[in-house]
Amino acid sequence: MKERINESSLDVVGIGNAIVDVLTKIDDSLLEKLSFKKGSMTLIDENKAKELYEIVNNGIQKSGGSVANSLACVSQLGGKAAFIGRVRNDKLGEIFTEEISRTGTIYKTPPSSAGPSTARCLIFITPDAQRTMCTYLGASVLLEPNDLDLSIVREAKILYLEGYLWDNPAAKNAFIKAAEIAKNAGRKVALSLSDSFCVNRHRESFIKLVEDYIDILFANEEEITSLYKTSNLKLAIEKLKPKCEITAITLGKNGSILIVNGKEIIIDPYIHGNAIDTTGAGDIYAGGFLKGLANNLDPAISAKIGSICAGQIVTQLGSRSNTDLLNLINKHL
């Protein structure tokens, strides 16, 4: 029986890939030689992961995963968050568990004792601060409906789902089950589209998921235009407006567009220094945004909180902030 916690104060529960990031700086010529599209996320198998790991064997290892990064931000901002995701009982699994727990995020999913090793994301950072990710999903794909702590899903103010997990049929079933439980309990359900290639693989089922369950949608420009098979952002926005209550579309250094009940609001970027690594900027934006919404703040204020947090995270390596974000928000909001 899963350990029961006091869920009444939970702000956000997230379901996502439990991944350890391995970050290294490389030049454009090496990235071109590796034949990966700059700024993309490519799924790789264990053999390719081992091959690439040799290139980044001096890289920085940090607990990662898109939704997990967002939840760490929620916790750092004083919120109460819980994460559901699967690791293997190996060294990388220990790193993930220790680091996410250190943020204050509740993590109770039991590790796998057999099968694939813990997921890892090899992140190549080029001089322009772009990150190109090669992800071995490993044990994270073993997540299934039985891994859900239903009491946490039912009681958290917001359920946050990671689009990357949609590649796994069992995890997809867990998503639907969790979304139904949250909606029946009167909670909000949020989704990150995660990656344009992920959207291309699952376009129709993503559109149905958004229409049936999603209250809050996070995407960047490439993901949202991919969802509606257009290169025109304005057209994609018009198609989306009647489908979702709140949508935040991140535009990198140009800030973000917030859509609330069909109304567009421009959110300015916050620049705190030179950008050296954009890894996790969207994750941290979502974390700050969700913390604001969980506190019943206006969506525009929540988006500004997300923008402030994202503006800080790009000035350091990795996706977990080493800065007092609350102090930064109080200074700029």
Protein backbone atom coordinates (compact mmCIF):
# COMPACT_ATOMS: atom_id res chain seq x y z
CA MET A 1 0.00 0.00 0.00
CA LYS A 2 1.39 3.41 -0.97
CA GLU A 3 2.30 5.77 1.85
CA ARG A 4 -0.42 8.36 2.33
CA ILE A 5 0.55 11.98 2.78
CA ASN A 6 -1.36 15.08 3.72
CA GLU A 7 -2.47 16.02 0.23
CA SER A 8 -4.78 18.87 1.20
CA SER A 9 -2.04 21.44 0.65
CA LEU A 10 -0.69 19.98 -2.60
CA ASP A 11 -0.42 22.59 -5.34
CA VAL A 12 0.68 20.47 -8.30
CA VAL A 13 1.12 16.77 -8.99
CA GLY A 14 3.03 15.93 -12.16
CA ILE A 15 3.39 12.77 -14.21
CA GLY A 16 6.45 12.56 -16.43
CA ASN A 17 9.70 10.94 -17.42
CA ALA A 18 12.17 10.49 -14.55
CA ILE A 19 15.41 11.41 -16.29
CA VAL A 20 18.98 12.29 -15.35
CA ASP A 21 20.40 15.04 -17.57
CA VAL A 22 24.03 14.85 -18.71
CA LEU A 23 25.06 18.29 -19.97
CA THR A 24 28.12 19.16 -22.03
CA LYS A 25 29.21 22.10 -24.18
CA ILE A 26 30.16 21.35 -27.79
CA ASP A 27 30.77 23.40 -30.93
CA ASP A 28 28.50 23.49 -33.95
CA SER A 29 30.84 21.38 -36.06
CA LEU A 30 30.64 18.42 -33.66
CA LEU A 31 26.85 18.70 -33.49
CA GLU A 32 26.72 18.67 -37.29
CA LYS A 33 29.00 15.62 -37.33
CA LEU A 34 26.61 13.84 -34.95
CA SER A 35 23.76 14.60 -37.41
CA PHE A 36 21.28 15.96 -34.87
CA LYS A 37 19.05 18.95 -35.64
CA LYS A 38 19.97 21.84 -33.37
CA GLY A 39 17.34 22.48 -30.71
CA SER A 40 15.57 19.16 -31.20
CA MET A 41 14.92 16.15 -28.96
CA THR A 42 15.79 12.76 -30.46
CA LEU A 43 14.83 9.44 -28.90
CA ILE A 44 17.73 6.98 -28.85
CA ASP A 45 18.24 3.37 -27.75
CA GLU A 46 20.53 2.15 -24.97
CA ASN A 47 23.44 1.37 -27.30
CA LYS A 48 23.35 4.87 -28.81
CA ALA A 49 23.09 6.33 -25.31
CA LYS A 50 26.27 4.48 -24.29
CA GLU A 51 28.05 5.66 -27.45
CA LEU A 52 27.12 9.31 -26.88
CA TYR A 53 27.89 9.04 -23.17
CA GLU A 54 31.53 8.47 -24.13
CA ILE A 55 31.48 11.92 -25.74
CA VAL A 56 30.00 13.57 -22.64
CA ASN A 57 31.70 11.46 -19.97
CA ASN A 58 32.93 14.63 -18.28
CA GLY A 59 29.50 16.23 -18.50
CA ILE A 60 27.51 17.56 -15.58
CA GLN A 61 24.95 15.03 -14.28
CA LYS A 62 21.76 16.49 -12.84
CA SER A 63 18.28 15.21 -12.08
CA GLY A 64 16.02 16.33 -14.91
CA GLY A 65 12.86 15.51 -16.81
CA SER A 66 10.52 18.22 -18.09
CA VAL A 67 7.68 17.96 -15.58
CA ALA A 68 10.10 17.08 -12.76
CA ASN A 69 11.96 20.34 -13.46
CA SER A 70 8.69 22.27 -13.30
CA LEU A 71 7.78 20.68 -9.98
CA ALA A 72 11.20 21.47 -8.54
CA CYS A 73 10.49 25.12 -9.41
CA VAL A 74 7.07 24.95 -7.73
CA SER A 75 8.76 23.61 -4.60
CA GLN A 76 11.51 26.23 -4.70
CA LEU A 77 8.82 28.92 -4.81
CA GLY A 78 7.34 27.59 -1.58
CA GLY A 79 4.68 25.38 -3.12
CA LYS A 80 3.96 21.74 -2.39
CA ALA A 81 4.47 19.41 -5.35
CA ALA A 82 4.49 15.67 -5.96
CA PHE A 83 6.01 13.72 -8.86
CA ILE A 84 5.00 10.37 -10.36
CA GLY A 85 7.58 8.71 -12.62
CA ARG A 86 9.68 5.54 -12.81
CA VAL A 87 13.42 4.95 -12.34
CA ARG A 88 15.50 1.77 -12.03
CA ASN A 89 17.27 0.94 -8.76
CA ASP A 90 20.67 1.92 -10.19
CA LYS A 91 23.15 4.77 -9.77
CA LEU A 92 21.30 7.22 -12.00
CA GLY A 93 18.05 6.27 -10.28
CA GLU A 94 19.64 7.18 -6.96
CA ILE A 95 20.80 10.52 -8.37
CA PHE A 96 17.29 11.33 -9.62
CA THR A 97 15.57 10.33 -6.37
CA GLU A 98 18.03 12.17 -4.15
CA GLU A 99 18.00 15.39 -6.14
CA ILE A 100 14.24 15.70 -6.67
CA SER A 101 13.63 14.89 -3.00
CA ARG A 102 16.14 17.58 -2.03
CA THR A 103 13.97 20.19 -3.77
CA GLY A 104 11.12 19.33 -1.41
CA THR A 105 9.11 17.59 -4.12
CA ILE A 106 7.33 14.45 -2.89
CA TYR A 107 8.46 11.37 -4.82
CA LYS A 108 7.14 7.93 -3.84
CA THR A 109 7.04 5.89 -7.09
CA PRO A 110 8.90 2.62 -6.33
CA PRO A 111 11.93 1.91 -8.59
CA SER A 112 12.06 -1.03 -10.99
CA SER A 113 14.29 -3.88 -9.86
CA ALA A 114 14.71 -5.32 -13.37
CA GLY A 115 14.51 -4.23 -16.98
CA PRO A 116 15.83 -1.04 -18.60
CA SER A 117 18.17 1.28 -16.72
CA THR A 118 17.17 4.76 -15.54
CA ALA A 119 16.42 7.22 -18.34
CA ARG A 120 19.03 9.77 -19.30
CA CYS A 121 19.05 12.84 -21.52
CA LEU A 122 22.34 13.74 -23.19
CA ILE A 123 22.23 17.50 -23.71
CA PHE A 124 24.61 19.17 -26.14
CA ILE A 125 24.90 22.92 -25.58
CA THR A 126 26.25 24.98 -28.47
CA PRO A 127 27.83 28.47 -28.14
CA ASP A 128 24.49 30.15 -28.97
CA ALA A 129 23.03 28.54 -25.79
CA GLN A 130 20.77 26.23 -27.82
CA ARG A 131 20.34 22.75 -26.39
CA THR A 132 20.05 19.62 -28.49
CA MET A 133 18.78 16.61 -26.57
CA CYS A 134 19.24 12.89 -27.15
CA THR A 135 17.03 10.93 -24.80
CA TYR A 136 17.11 7.29 -23.77
CA LEU A 137 13.79 6.72 -22.01
CA GLY A 138 14.82 3.50 -20.25
CA ALA A 139 12.87 2.67 -17.11
CA SER A 140 10.61 5.72 -17.46
CA VAL A 141 8.57 3.93 -20.14
CA LEU A 142 7.55 1.30 -17.57
CA LEU A 143 5.18 3.77 -15.91
CA GLU A 144 1.64 2.37 -15.86
CA PRO A 145 -1.76 3.15 -14.32
CA ASN A 146 -0.97 1.12 -11.19
CA ASP A 147 1.85 3.58 -10.39
CA LEU A 148 -0.67 6.37 -9.82
CA ASP A 149 -1.25 7.46 -6.24
CA LEU A 150 -4.92 8.20 -6.73
CA SER A 151 -5.31 10.20 -3.52
CA ILE A 152 -2.57 12.61 -4.63
CA VAL A 153 -4.05 12.97 -8.12
CA ARG A 154 -7.49 13.59 -6.64
CA GLU A 155 -6.42 16.19 -4.10
CA ALA A 156 -3.76 18.27 -5.90
CA LYS A 157 -5.05 21.59 -7.22
CA ILE A 158 -3.45 21.00 -10.63
CA LEU A 159 -2.47 17.80 -12.46
CA TYR A 160 0.43 18.40 -14.88
CA LEU A 161 1.10 15.92 -17.71
CA GLU A 162 4.25 15.60 -19.83
CA GLY A 163 3.68 15.12 -23.55
CA TYR A 164 6.88 13.11 -23.94
CA LEU A 165 5.24 10.20 -22.08
CA TRP A 166 2.58 9.88 -24.77
CA ASP A 167 4.98 7.64 -26.73
CA ASN A 168 4.35 4.83 -24.23
CA PRO A 169 0.89 3.13 -24.44
CA ALA A 170 0.83 2.16 -20.74
CA ALA A 171 1.80 5.68 -19.70
CA LYS A 172 -0.85 7.05 -22.06
CA ASN A 173 -3.43 4.97 -20.21
CA ALA A 174 -2.09 6.33 -16.92
CA PHE A 175 -2.52 9.87 -18.30
CA ILE A 176 -6.15 9.31 -19.22
CA LYS A 177 -6.92 7.67 -15.89
CA ALA A 178 -5.27 10.50 -13.96
CA ALA A 179 -7.00 13.18 -16.05
CA GLU A 180 -10.41 11.60 -15.49
CA ILE A 181 -9.82 11.37 -11.73
CA ALA A 182 -8.64 14.98 -11.54
CA LYS A 183 -11.53 16.33 -13.61
CA ASN A 184 -14.09 14.37 -11.59
CA ALA A 185 -12.59 15.91 -8.45
CA GLY A 186 -12.98 19.40 -9.90
CA ARG A 187 -9.25 19.94 -10.42
CA LYS A 188 -7.42 21.61 -13.30
CA VAL A 189 -5.43 19.54 -15.79
CA ALA A 190 -2.36 20.95 -17.55
CA LEU A 191 -0.33 19.54 -20.43
CA SER A 192 3.07 20.31 -21.93
CA LEU A 193 3.29 19.45 -25.63
CA SER A 194 7.02 18.86 -24.97
CA ASP A 195 8.47 18.68 -28.50
CA SER A 196 7.38 19.26 -32.10
CA PHE A 197 8.48 15.77 -33.15
CA CYS A 198 6.38 14.35 -30.32
CA VAL A 199 3.45 16.42 -31.60
CA ASN A 200 3.98 15.14 -35.14
CA ARG A 201 3.87 11.55 -33.90
CA HIS A 202 0.64 12.00 -31.95
CA ARG A 203 -1.12 15.02 -33.48
CA GLU A 204 -4.68 13.70 -33.61
CA SER A 205 -4.60 12.08 -30.17
CA PHE A 206 -3.04 15.24 -28.67
CA ILE A 207 -5.82 17.37 -30.17
CA LYS A 208 -8.41 15.02 -28.69
CA LEU A 209 -6.64 15.06 -25.31
CA VAL A 210 -6.67 18.87 -25.30
CA GLU A 211 -10.34 19.04 -26.25
CA ASP A 212 -11.46 16.39 -23.74
CA TYR A 213 -9.35 17.08 -20.66
CA ILE A 214 -6.91 19.99 -20.79
CA ASP A 215 -7.54 23.32 -19.04
CA ILE A 216 -3.98 24.69 -19.24
CA LEU A 217 -1.67 24.10 -22.22
CA PHE A 218 2.05 24.86 -22.50
CA ALA A 219 3.83 24.91 -25.86
CA ASN A 220 6.44 26.79 -27.83
CA GLU A 221 5.82 28.27 -31.27
CA GLU A 222 7.10 25.23 -33.16
CA GLU A 223 4.97 22.84 -31.11
CA ILE A 224 1.72 24.76 -31.42
CA THR A 225 2.09 25.31 -35.18
CA SER A 226 2.94 21.63 -35.57
CA LEU A 227 -0.22 20.70 -33.66
CA TYR A 228 -2.37 22.44 -36.27
CA LYS A 229 -0.13 21.67 -39.29
CA THR A 230 0.58 25.27 -40.19
CA SER A 231 3.60 27.57 -40.31
CA ASN A 232 1.38 30.51 -39.32
CA LEU A 233 1.37 31.11 -35.56
CA LYS A 234 -1.66 33.41 -35.69
CA LEU A 235 -3.67 30.76 -37.51
CA ALA A 236 -2.67 28.11 -34.97
CA ILE A 237 -3.71 30.42 -32.13
CA GLU A 238 -7.12 31.06 -33.70
CA LYS A 239 -7.71 27.32 -34.04
CA LEU A 240 -6.68 26.75 -30.43
CA LYS A 241 -8.67 29.56 -28.79
CA PRO A 242 -11.99 27.71 -28.47
CA LYS A 243 -10.31 24.47 -27.35
CA CYS A 244 -8.53 25.44 -24.13
CA GLU A 245 -9.20 27.81 -21.23
CA ILE A 246 -5.57 28.90 -20.75
CA THR A 247 -2.64 28.52 -23.16
CA ALA A 248 0.91 29.80 -22.73
CA ILE A 249 3.04 29.86 -25.88
CA THR A 250 6.70 30.55 -25.17
CA LEU A 251 8.73 32.48 -27.75
CA GLY A 252 12.24 32.22 -26.31
CA LYS A 253 13.96 35.60 -26.01
CA ASN A 254 10.76 37.27 -27.27
CA GLY A 255 8.73 36.36 -24.20
CA SER A 256 5.42 34.54 -24.47
CA ILE A 257 1.83 34.82 -25.61
CA LEU A 258 -0.85 34.06 -23.04
CA ILE A 259 -4.35 33.16 -24.20
CA VAL A 260 -7.09 33.27 -21.56
CA ASN A 261 -10.63 32.45 -22.65
CA GLY A 262 -9.79 33.56 -26.18
CA LYS A 263 -8.06 36.81 -25.20
CA GLU A 264 -4.38 37.25 -26.15
CA ILE A 265 -1.95 38.85 -23.69
CA ILE A 266 1.70 39.56 -24.54
CA ILE A 267 4.12 38.66 -21.73
CA ASP A 268 7.51 40.38 -21.95
CA PRO A 269 10.73 38.43 -21.40
CA TYR A 270 12.83 39.06 -18.32
CA ILE A 271 16.57 39.34 -18.98
CA HIS A 272 18.77 38.71 -15.94
CA GLY A 273 22.09 38.21 -17.75
CA ASN A 274 23.68 36.49 -20.72
CA ALA A 275 21.98 33.27 -21.80
CA ILE A 276 24.39 30.34 -21.64
CA ASP A 277 21.99 27.38 -21.59
CA THR A 278 18.31 27.28 -22.58
CA THR A 279 17.85 23.76 -21.16
CA GLY A 280 14.68 23.71 -19.12
CA ALA A 281 13.64 27.33 -19.70
CA GLY A 282 10.18 26.20 -20.76
CA ASP A 283 10.00 23.81 -17.81
CA ILE A 284 10.79 26.56 -15.32
CA TYR A 285 8.36 28.93 -17.00
CA ALA A 286 5.64 26.31 -16.52
CA GLY A 287 6.65 25.76 -12.90
CA GLY A 288 6.41 29.45 -12.03
CA PHE A 289 3.15 29.77 -13.96
CA LEU A 290 1.53 26.79 -12.24
CA LYS A 291 2.62 28.00 -8.80
CA GLY A 292 0.90 31.30 -9.50
CA LEU A 293 -2.30 29.63 -10.67
CA ALA A 294 -2.29 27.31 -7.65
CA ASN A 295 -2.18 30.44 -5.49
CA ASN A 296 -5.24 31.76 -7.36
CA LEU A 297 -3.24 34.55 -8.98
CA ASP A 298 -4.39 36.12 -12.24
CA PRO A 299 -3.08 34.12 -15.25
CA ALA A 300 -1.16 37.17 -16.55
CA ILE A 301 0.61 37.59 -13.20
CA SER A 302 1.29 33.85 -13.15
CA ALA A 303 2.81 34.08 -16.63
CA LYS A 304 5.05 36.94 -15.51
CA ILE A 305 6.26 34.78 -12.62
CA GLY A 306 7.06 32.04 -15.11
CA SER A 307 8.89 34.51 -17.34
CA ILE A 308 11.00 35.81 -14.46
CA CYS A 309 12.00 32.27 -13.48
CA ALA A 310 12.80 31.32 -17.09
CA GLY A 311 14.89 34.45 -17.54
CA GLN A 312 17.07 33.38 -14.63
CA ILE A 313 17.50 29.71 -15.52
CA VAL A 314 19.08 30.46 -18.92
CA THR A 315 21.97 32.25 -17.18
CA GLN A 316 23.26 29.00 -15.64
CA LEU A 317 23.92 25.41 -16.65
CA GLY A 318 21.12 22.97 -15.88
CA SER A 319 17.40 23.12 -15.18
CA ARG A 320 17.30 23.54 -11.40
CA SER A 321 17.83 27.12 -10.29
CA ASN A 322 20.73 28.01 -7.99
CA THR A 323 19.18 31.42 -7.28
CA ASP A 324 16.61 32.59 -4.72
CA LEU A 325 13.69 32.76 -7.14
CA LEU A 326 11.25 34.19 -4.60
CA ASN A 327 13.54 37.14 -4.01
CA LEU A 328 13.92 37.61 -7.77
CA ILE A 329 10.15 37.58 -8.27
CA ASN A 330 9.59 40.09 -5.48
CA LYS A 331 12.18 42.34 -7.11
CA HIS A 332 10.76 42.25 -10.64
CA LEU A 333 7.02 41.64 -10.29
